[in-house]
Amino acid sequence: MKYLRQCGVRTAGLIVLTSLAACASSIPTLSPYNVWVFNNFTAGNSATGGGLAVGGTATITSGYGIASNLGSEQLNSFPSGVTFVAGSVHGTPGLAQGNYYVGSGNVYNNGSGTQITRNPVDFSSQYTYFLALSAAISDLATTGTDNCTHGSGDITCTASAVNGLNVIDLSSASDLGNGLNIIGVSADSPLIINVGGTSGTLEPWSIEIDGAQINTADAPYLLFNFYDATSLKLESSLLGTILAPKADVTGNGSLAGQLIANSFDGSTAFSNLPYEGTVPNAGSAVPEPGGLLLSGLGLALLLGGRLLPR
């Protein structure tokens, strides 16, 4: 990233956070898992490139790949090194890397990990956190003029924080139209798009920054926050992380980013490109999730290379 996260002190190639309360916006706010669902996960012939966390039952086609695009150096970001966790499994998914926990069912582990006998993820605590985080993000002030205009089926929004976080509000998923063009930001400036409505389909044909089509390298800087959605459909090839903790999500195509939802049913291929942007002023408004983030005043948090300038 082009900028250091605020409140951090860089030393010996790391960023040391001296106060988690004062620097709540600098703490990684999303799960290390590529896909995290509180209830059930049903998937067809596809794969999850990163980690997969399922609070309920994972019904997965035999041979479904998990964690195939996860570097071994990232395993320590997962609780107990568990890259796949599910209450129960129907089918026989293939796990490429990391340990795993399943309450019942089988996993074909072609990596070097082992089966863990105790669930390392507190799904109830984490779900409470995601709900509160989504609500807090939805209250963030918009940046720039936040004027969105429609034309030829596309929507153009103007922001102003060229090298900082930009926040844009849309009343519903339909406002995304056939495409989205954001003016006034750089491709690797974090962008949060708050989307209202209880249901919707996410299918922009294109997402552009100042008229230039974004690609997978830009996906870690884009976050869609569906704070009220209880049902959501993913279509086509999508970029960016989707935070929709209340939503039962269906979909096909692909998503280059994370999905955090209540449940998932579909054949979407998930690429492991987690959100790397900041969420200023939101951290202090939400409880800290159990098991995945550090907590407590005065603790120091060492963040590795992914948070350093690119």
C-alpha atoms as a PDB file:
ATOM      1  CA  MET A   1       0.000   0.000   0.000  1.00  0.00           C
ATOM      2  CA  LYS A   2       1.174   3.533  -0.648  1.00  0.00           C
ATOM      3  CA  TYR A   3       0.772   4.676   2.907  1.00  0.00           C
ATOM      4  CA  LEU A   4       1.448   3.421   6.428  1.00  0.00           C
ATOM      5  CA  ARG A   5      -1.491   2.788   8.669  1.00  0.00           C
ATOM      6  CA  GLN A   6      -1.854   5.601  11.158  1.00  0.00           C
ATOM      7  CA  CYS A   7      -0.926   5.201  14.839  1.00  0.00           C
ATOM      8  CA  GLY A   8       1.836   2.737  13.961  1.00  0.00           C
ATOM      9  CA  VAL A   9       5.570   3.052  14.450  1.00  0.00           C
ATOM     10  CA  ARG A  10       7.726   1.336  11.875  1.00  0.00           C
ATOM     11  CA  THR A  11      10.719  -0.503  13.263  1.00  0.00           C
ATOM     12  CA  ALA A  12      12.884  -3.298  11.898  1.00  0.00           C
ATOM     13  CA  GLY A  13      10.570  -3.724   8.924  1.00  0.00           C
ATOM     14  CA  LEU A  14       7.420  -4.044  11.045  1.00  0.00           C
ATOM     15  CA  ILE A  15       4.682  -1.741  12.255  1.00  0.00           C
ATOM     16  CA  VAL A  16       4.184  -1.695  16.014  1.00  0.00           C
ATOM     17  CA  LEU A  17       0.819  -0.500  17.291  1.00  0.00           C
ATOM     18  CA  THR A  18       1.189   0.964  20.724  1.00  0.00           C
ATOM     19  CA  SER A  19      -2.501   1.178  21.628  1.00  0.00           C
ATOM     20  CA  LEU A  20      -5.224  -1.007  20.182  1.00  0.00           C
ATOM     21  CA  ALA A  21      -7.928   1.338  21.415  1.00  0.00           C
ATOM     22  CA  ALA A  22      -6.434   4.421  19.806  1.00  0.00           C
ATOM     23  CA  CYS A  23      -5.506   2.494  16.654  1.00  0.00           C
ATOM     24  CA  ALA A  24      -8.586   0.335  16.278  1.00  0.00           C
ATOM     25  CA  SER A  25      -8.831   1.254  12.606  1.00  0.00           C
ATOM     26  CA  SER A  26      -5.412  -0.327  12.024  1.00  0.00           C
ATOM     27  CA  ILE A  27      -6.338  -3.777  13.317  1.00  0.00           C
ATOM     28  CA  PRO A  28      -7.207  -6.301  10.582  1.00  0.00           C
ATOM     29  CA  THR A  29     -10.998  -6.123  10.781  1.00  0.00           C
ATOM     30  CA  LEU A  30     -11.937  -9.055   8.599  1.00  0.00           C
ATOM     31  CA  SER A  31     -11.440 -12.776   8.918  1.00  0.00           C
ATOM     32  CA  PRO A  32      -8.304 -14.461   7.545  1.00  0.00           C
ATOM     33  CA  TYR A  33     -10.698 -16.818   5.752  1.00  0.00           C
ATOM     34  CA  ASN A  34     -11.437 -16.361   2.063  1.00  0.00           C
ATOM     35  CA  VAL A  35     -15.041 -17.350   2.824  1.00  0.00           C
ATOM     36  CA  TRP A  36     -16.687 -17.164   6.265  1.00  0.00           C
ATOM     37  CA  VAL A  37     -20.340 -18.097   6.812  1.00  0.00           C
ATOM     38  CA  PHE A  38     -22.188 -18.353  10.086  1.00  0.00           C
ATOM     39  CA  ASN A  39     -24.571 -21.105   8.955  1.00  0.00           C
ATOM     40  CA  ASN A  40     -24.465 -23.493   5.987  1.00  0.00           C
ATOM     41  CA  PHE A  41     -22.246 -23.540   2.923  1.00  0.00           C
ATOM     42  CA  THR A  42     -23.348 -25.442  -0.201  1.00  0.00           C
ATOM     43  CA  ALA A  43     -21.061 -25.438  -3.209  1.00  0.00           C
ATOM     44  CA  GLY A  44     -20.932 -27.077  -6.618  1.00  0.00           C
ATOM     45  CA  ASN A  45     -18.012 -27.637  -8.959  1.00  0.00           C
ATOM     46  CA  SER A  46     -15.685 -24.846  -7.953  1.00  0.00           C
ATOM     47  CA  ALA A  47     -13.120 -24.003  -5.269  1.00  0.00           C
ATOM     48  CA  THR A  48     -12.136 -21.634  -2.478  1.00  0.00           C
ATOM     49  CA  GLY A  49      -8.574 -20.487  -3.024  1.00  0.00           C
ATOM     50  CA  GLY A  50      -8.044 -19.447   0.587  1.00  0.00           C
ATOM     51  CA  GLY A  51      -9.395 -20.669   3.913  1.00  0.00           C
ATOM     52  CA  LEU A  52     -13.036 -21.690   4.398  1.00  0.00           C
ATOM     53  CA  ALA A  53     -14.916 -21.346   7.702  1.00  0.00           C
ATOM     54  CA  VAL A  54     -18.433 -22.770   7.994  1.00  0.00           C
ATOM     55  CA  GLY A  55     -20.388 -22.521  11.230  1.00  0.00           C
ATOM     56  CA  GLY A  56     -22.999 -25.064  10.116  1.00  0.00           C
ATOM     57  CA  THR A  57     -22.923 -27.810   7.493  1.00  0.00           C
ATOM     58  CA  ALA A  58     -20.631 -27.710   4.467  1.00  0.00           C
ATOM     59  CA  THR A  59     -22.252 -29.619   1.603  1.00  0.00           C
ATOM     60  CA  ILE A  60     -19.486 -29.792  -0.948  1.00  0.00           C
ATOM     61  CA  THR A  61     -18.929 -31.696  -4.166  1.00  0.00           C
ATOM     62  CA  SER A  62     -16.229 -34.311  -3.712  1.00  0.00           C
ATOM     63  CA  GLY A  63     -12.946 -32.892  -4.914  1.00  0.00           C
ATOM     64  CA  TYR A  64     -13.888 -29.284  -4.119  1.00  0.00           C
ATOM     65  CA  GLY A  65     -10.565 -27.536  -3.520  1.00  0.00           C
ATOM     66  CA  ILE A  66      -9.786 -25.484  -0.411  1.00  0.00           C
ATOM     67  CA  ALA A  67      -6.701 -23.365   0.375  1.00  0.00           C
ATOM     68  CA  SER A  68      -4.883 -24.189  -2.862  1.00  0.00           C
ATOM     69  CA  ASN A  69      -3.687 -20.584  -3.284  1.00  0.00           C
ATOM     70  CA  LEU A  70      -2.510 -20.007   0.265  1.00  0.00           C
ATOM     71  CA  GLY A  71       1.198 -19.453   0.887  1.00  0.00           C
ATOM     72  CA  SER A  72       2.696 -21.536   3.669  1.00  0.00           C
ATOM     73  CA  GLU A  73       3.994 -18.346   5.301  1.00  0.00           C
ATOM     74  CA  GLN A  74       0.371 -17.270   5.880  1.00  0.00           C
ATOM     75  CA  LEU A  75      -0.700 -20.300   7.883  1.00  0.00           C
ATOM     76  CA  ASN A  76       0.105 -18.586  11.167  1.00  0.00           C
ATOM     77  CA  SER A  77      -2.678 -16.075  10.511  1.00  0.00           C
ATOM     78  CA  PHE A  78      -5.256 -18.831  11.010  1.00  0.00           C
ATOM     79  CA  PRO A  79      -6.288 -20.048  14.487  1.00  0.00           C
ATOM     80  CA  SER A  80      -4.308 -23.227  15.177  1.00  0.00           C
ATOM     81  CA  GLY A  81      -3.324 -23.200  11.517  1.00  0.00           C
ATOM     82  CA  VAL A  82      -6.854 -24.367  10.621  1.00  0.00           C
ATOM     83  CA  THR A  83      -7.665 -23.340   7.044  1.00  0.00           C
ATOM     84  CA  PHE A  84     -10.905 -25.344   6.888  1.00  0.00           C
ATOM     85  CA  VAL A  85     -13.470 -25.565   9.669  1.00  0.00           C
ATOM     86  CA  ALA A  86     -17.071 -26.795   9.546  1.00  0.00           C
ATOM     87  CA  GLY A  87     -19.654 -28.090  11.969  1.00  0.00           C
ATOM     88  CA  SER A  88     -20.183 -31.058   9.647  1.00  0.00           C
ATOM     89  CA  VAL A  89     -19.276 -32.015   6.074  1.00  0.00           C
ATOM     90  CA  HIS A  90     -21.261 -33.756   3.341  1.00  0.00           C
ATOM     91  CA  GLY A  91     -19.008 -34.748   0.466  1.00  0.00           C
ATOM     92  CA  THR A  92     -15.234 -35.028   0.490  1.00  0.00           C
ATOM     93  CA  PRO A  93     -13.507 -31.701  -0.127  1.00  0.00           C
ATOM     94  CA  GLY A  94      -9.797 -31.594  -0.846  1.00  0.00           C
ATOM     95  CA  LEU A  95      -7.666 -29.474   1.470  1.00  0.00           C
ATOM     96  CA  ALA A  96      -4.388 -28.310  -0.041  1.00  0.00           C
ATOM     97  CA  GLN A  97      -2.744 -26.642   2.970  1.00  0.00           C
ATOM     98  CA  GLY A  98      -3.246 -26.242   6.692  1.00  0.00           C
ATOM     99  CA  ASN A  99      -4.978 -28.093   9.496  1.00  0.00           C
ATOM    100  CA  TYR A 100      -8.714 -28.718   9.608  1.00  0.00           C
ATOM    101  CA  TYR A 101     -11.584 -29.210  12.016  1.00  0.00           C
ATOM    102  CA  VAL A 102     -14.906 -30.868  11.175  1.00  0.00           C
ATOM    103  CA  GLY A 103     -17.487 -31.972  13.709  1.00  0.00           C
ATOM    104  CA  SER A 104     -18.407 -34.904  11.467  1.00  0.00           C
ATOM    105  CA  GLY A 105     -17.650 -36.003   7.923  1.00  0.00           C
ATOM    106  CA  ASN A 106     -14.529 -36.528   5.856  1.00  0.00           C
ATOM    107  CA  VAL A 107     -11.827 -34.325   4.401  1.00  0.00           C
ATOM    108  CA  TYR A 108      -9.281 -35.410   1.833  1.00  0.00           C
ATOM    109  CA  ASN A 109      -6.159 -33.733   3.159  1.00  0.00           C
ATOM    110  CA  ASN A 110      -3.483 -33.780   0.486  1.00  0.00           C
ATOM    111  CA  GLY A 111      -1.391 -31.234   2.344  1.00  0.00           C
ATOM    112  CA  SER A 112       0.798 -31.707   5.400  1.00  0.00           C
ATOM    113  CA  GLY A 113      -1.724 -30.554   8.021  1.00  0.00           C
ATOM    114  CA  THR A 114      -3.589 -32.565  10.614  1.00  0.00           C
ATOM    115  CA  GLN A 115      -7.105 -32.834  12.000  1.00  0.00           C
ATOM    116  CA  ILE A 116      -7.793 -30.677  15.061  1.00  0.00           C
ATOM    117  CA  THR A 117     -10.137 -32.127  17.659  1.00  0.00           C
ATOM    118  CA  ARG A 118     -11.440 -28.835  19.032  1.00  0.00           C
ATOM    119  CA  ASN A 119     -13.095 -26.083  17.002  1.00  0.00           C
ATOM    120  CA  PRO A 120     -10.709 -23.090  17.125  1.00  0.00           C
ATOM    121  CA  VAL A 121     -13.287 -20.569  15.827  1.00  0.00           C
ATOM    122  CA  ASP A 122     -15.901 -18.988  18.089  1.00  0.00           C
ATOM    123  CA  PHE A 123     -18.553 -18.481  15.421  1.00  0.00           C
ATOM    124  CA  SER A 124     -21.083 -16.787  17.701  1.00  0.00           C
ATOM    125  CA  SER A 125     -18.589 -14.195  18.890  1.00  0.00           C
ATOM    126  CA  GLN A 126     -17.247 -13.641  15.392  1.00  0.00           C
ATOM    127  CA  TYR A 127     -20.754 -13.259  13.966  1.00  0.00           C
ATOM    128  CA  THR A 128     -21.634 -10.653  16.581  1.00  0.00           C
ATOM    129  CA  TYR A 129     -18.473  -8.822  15.618  1.00  0.00           C
ATOM    130  CA  PHE A 130     -19.260  -8.857  11.900  1.00  0.00           C
ATOM    131  CA  LEU A 131     -22.803  -7.586  12.479  1.00  0.00           C
ATOM    132  CA  ALA A 132     -21.529  -4.702  14.593  1.00  0.00           C
ATOM    133  CA  LEU A 133     -18.682  -3.947  12.210  1.00  0.00           C
ATOM    134  CA  SER A 134     -20.993  -3.823   9.198  1.00  0.00           C
ATOM    135  CA  ALA A 135     -23.333  -1.443  11.036  1.00  0.00           C
ATOM    136  CA  ALA A 136     -20.431   0.772  12.110  1.00  0.00           C
ATOM    137  CA  ILE A 137     -19.019   0.934   8.587  1.00  0.00           C
ATOM    138  CA  SER A 138     -22.443   1.914   7.257  1.00  0.00           C
ATOM    139  CA  ASP A 139     -22.312   4.973   9.530  1.00  0.00           C
ATOM    140  CA  LEU A 140     -18.974   6.216   8.196  1.00  0.00           C
ATOM    141  CA  ALA A 141     -19.203   9.640   6.613  1.00  0.00           C
ATOM    142  CA  THR A 142     -18.953   9.724   2.862  1.00  0.00           C
ATOM    143  CA  THR A 143     -15.904  11.330   1.283  1.00  0.00           C
ATOM    144  CA  GLY A 144     -15.814  13.982  -1.380  1.00  0.00           C
ATOM    145  CA  THR A 145     -19.063  15.181  -2.865  1.00  0.00           C
ATOM    146  CA  ASP A 146     -20.392  11.616  -3.060  1.00  0.00           C
ATOM    147  CA  ASN A 147     -22.485  12.715  -6.033  1.00  0.00           C
ATOM    148  CA  CYS A 148     -23.590   9.687  -8.011  1.00  0.00           C
ATOM    149  CA  THR A 149     -25.095  10.172 -11.444  1.00  0.00           C
ATOM    150  CA  HIS A 150     -26.679   7.644 -13.785  1.00  0.00           C
ATOM    151  CA  GLY A 151     -26.056   7.477 -17.490  1.00  0.00           C
ATOM    152  CA  SER A 152     -26.516   4.746 -20.113  1.00  0.00           C
ATOM    153  CA  GLY A 153     -27.058   2.161 -17.416  1.00  0.00           C
ATOM    154  CA  ASP A 154     -23.841   3.052 -15.563  1.00  0.00           C
ATOM    155  CA  ILE A 155     -23.338   4.999 -12.370  1.00  0.00           C
ATOM    156  CA  THR A 156     -20.520   7.477 -11.743  1.00  0.00           C
ATOM    157  CA  CYS A 157     -19.568   8.540  -8.216  1.00  0.00           C
ATOM    158  CA  THR A 158     -17.114  11.274  -7.281  1.00  0.00           C
ATOM    159  CA  ALA A 159     -14.843  10.976  -4.234  1.00  0.00           C
ATOM    160  CA  SER A 160     -11.843  13.000  -3.094  1.00  0.00           C
ATOM    161  CA  ALA A 161      -9.417  11.103  -0.850  1.00  0.00           C
ATOM    162  CA  VAL A 162      -6.958  10.256  -3.611  1.00  0.00           C
ATOM    163  CA  ASN A 163      -4.503   8.342  -1.419  1.00  0.00           C
ATOM    164  CA  GLY A 164      -6.772   7.613   1.542  1.00  0.00           C
ATOM    165  CA  LEU A 165      -9.988   5.796   2.348  1.00  0.00           C
ATOM    166  CA  ASN A 166     -13.033   6.692   0.269  1.00  0.00           C
ATOM    167  CA  VAL A 167     -16.602   5.924   1.309  1.00  0.00           C
ATOM    168  CA  ILE A 168     -19.582   5.961  -1.048  1.00  0.00           C
ATOM    169  CA  ASP A 169     -23.236   5.228  -0.215  1.00  0.00           C
ATOM    170  CA  LEU A 170     -25.731   3.601  -2.561  1.00  0.00           C
ATOM    171  CA  SER A 171     -29.372   3.101  -1.656  1.00  0.00           C
ATOM    172  CA  SER A 172     -29.577  -0.379  -3.212  1.00  0.00           C
ATOM    173  CA  ALA A 173     -27.670  -2.904  -5.291  1.00  0.00           C
ATOM    174  CA  SER A 174     -29.668  -1.843  -8.346  1.00  0.00           C
ATOM    175  CA  ASP A 175     -27.883   1.514  -8.166  1.00  0.00           C
ATOM    176  CA  LEU A 176     -24.745  -0.255  -9.351  1.00  0.00           C
ATOM    177  CA  GLY A 177     -26.469  -0.552 -12.716  1.00  0.00           C
ATOM    178  CA  ASN A 178     -24.486  -2.101 -15.527  1.00  0.00           C
ATOM    179  CA  GLY A 179     -21.220  -0.643 -14.318  1.00  0.00           C
ATOM    180  CA  LEU A 180     -19.574   1.565 -11.719  1.00  0.00           C
ATOM    181  CA  ASN A 181     -17.054   4.335 -12.322  1.00  0.00           C
ATOM    182  CA  ILE A 182     -15.362   6.052  -9.371  1.00  0.00           C
ATOM    183  CA  ILE A 183     -13.776   9.430 -10.103  1.00  0.00           C
ATOM    184  CA  GLY A 184     -11.150  11.101  -7.932  1.00  0.00           C
ATOM    185  CA  VAL A 185      -9.357   8.111  -6.380  1.00  0.00           C
ATOM    186  CA  SER A 186      -6.367   5.979  -7.269  1.00  0.00           C
ATOM    187  CA  ALA A 187      -6.780   2.274  -7.933  1.00  0.00           C
ATOM    188  CA  ASP A 188      -5.089   1.260  -4.675  1.00  0.00           C
ATOM    189  CA  SER A 189      -6.858   3.800  -2.461  1.00  0.00           C
ATOM    190  CA  PRO A 190      -9.209   1.776  -0.223  1.00  0.00           C
ATOM    191  CA  LEU A 191     -12.817   2.197  -1.289  1.00  0.00           C
ATOM    192  CA  ILE A 192     -15.862   1.201   0.768  1.00  0.00           C
ATOM    193  CA  ILE A 193     -19.221   1.094  -0.984  1.00  0.00           C
ATOM    194  CA  ASN A 194     -22.099   0.947   1.487  1.00  0.00           C
ATOM    195  CA  VAL A 195     -25.129  -0.605  -0.190  1.00  0.00           C
ATOM    196  CA  GLY A 196     -28.598  -0.388   1.364  1.00  0.00           C
ATOM    197  CA  GLY A 197     -31.621  -2.599   0.849  1.00  0.00           C
ATOM    198  CA  THR A 198     -32.641  -6.004   2.183  1.00  0.00           C
ATOM    199  CA  SER A 199     -32.020  -7.854  -1.084  1.00  0.00           C
ATOM    200  CA  GLY A 200     -30.266  -7.405  -4.381  1.00  0.00           C
ATOM    201  CA  THR A 201     -28.078  -8.755  -7.150  1.00  0.00           C
ATOM    202  CA  LEU A 202     -24.447  -7.721  -7.477  1.00  0.00           C
ATOM    203  CA  GLU A 203     -23.626  -7.804 -11.179  1.00  0.00           C
ATOM    204  CA  PRO A 204     -21.794  -4.727 -12.392  1.00  0.00           C
ATOM    205  CA  TRP A 205     -20.413  -5.426 -15.831  1.00  0.00           C
ATOM    206  CA  SER A 206     -17.402  -3.334 -14.989  1.00  0.00           C
ATOM    207  CA  ILE A 207     -15.845  -1.336 -12.192  1.00  0.00           C
ATOM    208  CA  GLU A 208     -13.640   1.544 -13.280  1.00  0.00           C
ATOM    209  CA  ILE A 209     -11.412   4.002 -11.449  1.00  0.00           C
ATOM    210  CA  ASP A 210     -11.253   7.302 -13.324  1.00  0.00           C
ATOM    211  CA  GLY A 211     -12.350   5.502 -16.456  1.00  0.00           C
ATOM    212  CA  ALA A 212      -9.787   2.686 -16.246  1.00  0.00           C
ATOM    213  CA  GLN A 213     -10.973  -0.884 -15.698  1.00  0.00           C
ATOM    214  CA  ILE A 214      -9.748  -2.301 -12.387  1.00  0.00           C
ATOM    215  CA  ASN A 215      -8.202  -5.763 -12.236  1.00  0.00           C
ATOM    216  CA  THR A 216      -7.455  -8.392  -9.610  1.00  0.00           C
ATOM    217  CA  ALA A 217      -4.529  -6.362  -8.251  1.00  0.00           C
ATOM    218  CA  ASP A 218      -7.047  -3.722  -7.168  1.00  0.00           C
ATOM    219  CA  ALA A 219      -9.474  -6.151  -5.511  1.00  0.00           C
ATOM    220  CA  PRO A 220      -7.887  -5.925  -2.018  1.00  0.00           C
ATOM    221  CA  TYR A 221      -8.803  -2.228  -1.872  1.00  0.00           C
ATOM    222  CA  LEU A 222     -12.525  -2.575  -2.587  1.00  0.00           C
ATOM    223  CA  LEU A 223     -15.166  -3.478   0.021  1.00  0.00           C
ATOM    224  CA  PHE A 224     -18.916  -3.787  -0.554  1.00  0.00           C
ATOM    225  CA  ASN A 225     -20.832  -3.507   2.717  1.00  0.00           C
ATOM    226  CA  PHE A 226     -24.408  -4.841   2.440  1.00  0.00           C
ATOM    227  CA  TYR A 227     -25.384  -3.847   5.958  1.00  0.00           C
ATOM    228  CA  ASP A 228     -29.135  -4.605   5.748  1.00  0.00           C
ATOM    229  CA  ALA A 229     -29.246  -7.350   3.129  1.00  0.00           C
ATOM    230  CA  THR A 230     -30.836 -10.652   4.115  1.00  0.00           C
ATOM    231  CA  SER A 231     -30.579 -12.111   0.609  1.00  0.00           C
ATOM    232  CA  LEU A 232     -27.946 -11.408  -2.018  1.00  0.00           C
ATOM    233  CA  LYS A 233     -27.170 -12.884  -5.431  1.00  0.00           C
ATOM    234  CA  LEU A 234     -23.697 -12.799  -6.978  1.00  0.00           C
ATOM    235  CA  GLU A 235     -23.401 -12.895 -10.745  1.00  0.00           C
ATOM    236  CA  SER A 236     -20.651 -12.670 -13.329  1.00  0.00           C
ATOM    237  CA  SER A 237     -16.998 -12.003 -12.432  1.00  0.00           C
ATOM    238  CA  LEU A 238     -16.749  -9.788  -9.364  1.00  0.00           C
ATOM    239  CA  LEU A 239     -13.867  -7.996  -7.678  1.00  0.00           C
ATOM    240  CA  GLY A 240     -13.655  -6.929  -4.049  1.00  0.00           C
ATOM    241  CA  THR A 241     -14.675  -8.184  -0.638  1.00  0.00           C
ATOM    242  CA  ILE A 242     -18.346  -8.590   0.239  1.00  0.00           C
ATOM    243  CA  LEU A 243     -19.372  -8.011   3.842  1.00  0.00           C
ATOM    244  CA  ALA A 244     -22.999  -9.148   4.193  1.00  0.00           C
ATOM    245  CA  PRO A 245     -23.283 -10.851   7.578  1.00  0.00           C
ATOM    246  CA  LYS A 246     -27.108 -11.005   7.582  1.00  0.00           C
ATOM    247  CA  ALA A 247     -27.444 -12.315   4.049  1.00  0.00           C
ATOM    248  CA  ASP A 248     -28.150 -15.733   2.615  1.00  0.00           C
ATOM    249  CA  VAL A 249     -26.008 -15.512  -0.505  1.00  0.00           C
ATOM    250  CA  THR A 250     -26.433 -17.407  -3.782  1.00  0.00           C
ATOM    251  CA  GLY A 251     -24.190 -17.101  -6.770  1.00  0.00           C
ATOM    252  CA  ASN A 252     -22.166 -18.317  -9.700  1.00  0.00           C
ATOM    253  CA  GLY A 253     -19.272 -16.951 -11.682  1.00  0.00           C
ATOM    254  CA  SER A 254     -16.298 -15.809  -9.620  1.00  0.00           C
ATOM    255  CA  LEU A 255     -15.337 -13.479  -6.781  1.00  0.00           C
ATOM    256  CA  ALA A 256     -11.803 -12.133  -6.394  1.00  0.00           C
ATOM    257  CA  GLY A 257     -12.051 -11.201  -2.729  1.00  0.00           C
ATOM    258  CA  GLN A 258     -13.611 -12.356   0.533  1.00  0.00           C
ATOM    259  CA  LEU A 259     -17.195 -13.268   1.319  1.00  0.00           C
ATOM    260  CA  ILE A 260     -18.580 -12.872   4.830  1.00  0.00           C
ATOM    261  CA  ALA A 261     -22.227 -13.896   5.039  1.00  0.00           C
ATOM    262  CA  ASN A 262     -24.878 -15.792   6.949  1.00  0.00           C
ATOM    263  CA  SER A 263     -24.897 -18.647   4.421  1.00  0.00           C
ATOM    264  CA  PHE A 264     -23.905 -19.491   0.844  1.00  0.00           C
ATOM    265  CA  ASP A 265     -25.387 -21.726  -1.859  1.00  0.00           C
ATOM    266  CA  GLY A 266     -23.955 -21.742  -5.375  1.00  0.00           C
ATOM    267  CA  SER A 267     -20.989 -22.409  -7.619  1.00  0.00           C
ATOM    268  CA  THR A 268     -18.981 -19.209  -7.253  1.00  0.00           C
ATOM    269  CA  ALA A 269     -15.217 -19.639  -7.536  1.00  0.00           C
ATOM    270  CA  PHE A 270     -13.534 -17.695  -4.736  1.00  0.00           C
ATOM    271  CA  SER A 271     -10.044 -16.269  -5.242  1.00  0.00           C
ATOM    272  CA  ASN A 272      -7.985 -15.511  -2.165  1.00  0.00           C
ATOM    273  CA  LEU A 273      -7.615 -11.712  -2.295  1.00  0.00           C
ATOM    274  CA  PRO A 274      -8.503 -10.421   1.199  1.00  0.00           C
ATOM    275  CA  TYR A 275      -9.403  -6.808   1.895  1.00  0.00           C
ATOM    276  CA  GLU A 276      -6.328  -4.791   2.890  1.00  0.00           C
ATOM    277  CA  GLY A 277      -7.865  -1.365   3.419  1.00  0.00           C
ATOM    278  CA  THR A 278      -8.519   0.480   6.635  1.00  0.00           C
ATOM    279  CA  VAL A 279     -11.821   1.036   8.406  1.00  0.00           C
ATOM    280  CA  PRO A 280     -11.266   4.293  10.349  1.00  0.00           C
ATOM    281  CA  ASN A 281     -13.467   5.128  13.312  1.00  0.00           C
ATOM    282  CA  ALA A 282     -15.276   1.822  13.149  1.00  0.00           C
ATOM    283  CA  GLY A 283     -13.079  -0.319  15.379  1.00  0.00           C
ATOM    284  CA  SER A 284     -14.027   1.333  18.683  1.00  0.00           C
ATOM    285  CA  ALA A 285     -17.725   0.816  17.955  1.00  0.00           C
ATOM    286  CA  VAL A 286     -17.594  -2.959  17.700  1.00  0.00           C
ATOM    287  CA  PRO A 287     -16.729  -5.772  20.099  1.00  0.00           C
ATOM    288  CA  GLU A 288     -13.529  -7.637  19.437  1.00  0.00           C
ATOM    289  CA  PRO A 289     -14.095 -11.092  17.924  1.00  0.00           C
ATOM    290  CA  GLY A 290     -13.018 -14.108  19.963  1.00  0.00           C
ATOM    291  CA  GLY A 291     -10.139 -16.187  18.753  1.00  0.00           C
ATOM    292  CA  LEU A 292      -9.119 -14.233  15.637  1.00  0.00           C
ATOM    293  CA  LEU A 293      -7.966 -10.776  16.751  1.00  0.00           C
ATOM    294  CA  LEU A 294      -5.815  -9.545  19.599  1.00  0.00           C
ATOM    295  CA  SER A 295      -7.492  -7.581  22.366  1.00  0.00           C
ATOM    296  CA  GLY A 296      -6.669  -5.439  25.374  1.00  0.00           C
ATOM    297  CA  LEU A 297      -5.189  -2.018  25.965  1.00  0.00           C
ATOM    298  CA  GLY A 298      -1.455  -1.552  25.817  1.00  0.00           C
ATOM    299  CA  LEU A 299      -0.775  -4.688  23.767  1.00  0.00           C
ATOM    300  CA  ALA A 300       1.549  -4.344  20.820  1.00  0.00           C
ATOM    301  CA  LEU A 301       0.513  -5.780  17.495  1.00  0.00           C
ATOM    302  CA  LEU A 302       3.158  -6.566  14.930  1.00  0.00           C
ATOM    303  CA  LEU A 303       1.857  -6.438  11.390  1.00  0.00           C
ATOM    304  CA  GLY A 304       3.880  -7.938   8.573  1.00  0.00           C
ATOM    305  CA  GLY A 305       4.730  -6.924   5.046  1.00  0.00           C
ATOM    306  CA  ARG A 306       1.184  -6.830   3.693  1.00  0.00           C
ATOM    307  CA  LEU A 307       0.561  -3.636   5.653  1.00  0.00           C
ATOM    308  CA  LEU A 308       3.708  -1.905   4.506  1.00  0.00           C
ATOM    309  CA  PRO A 309       3.843   0.449   1.514  1.00  0.00           C
ATOM    310  CA  ARG A 310       3.954  -1.342  -1.788  1.00  0.00           C
END
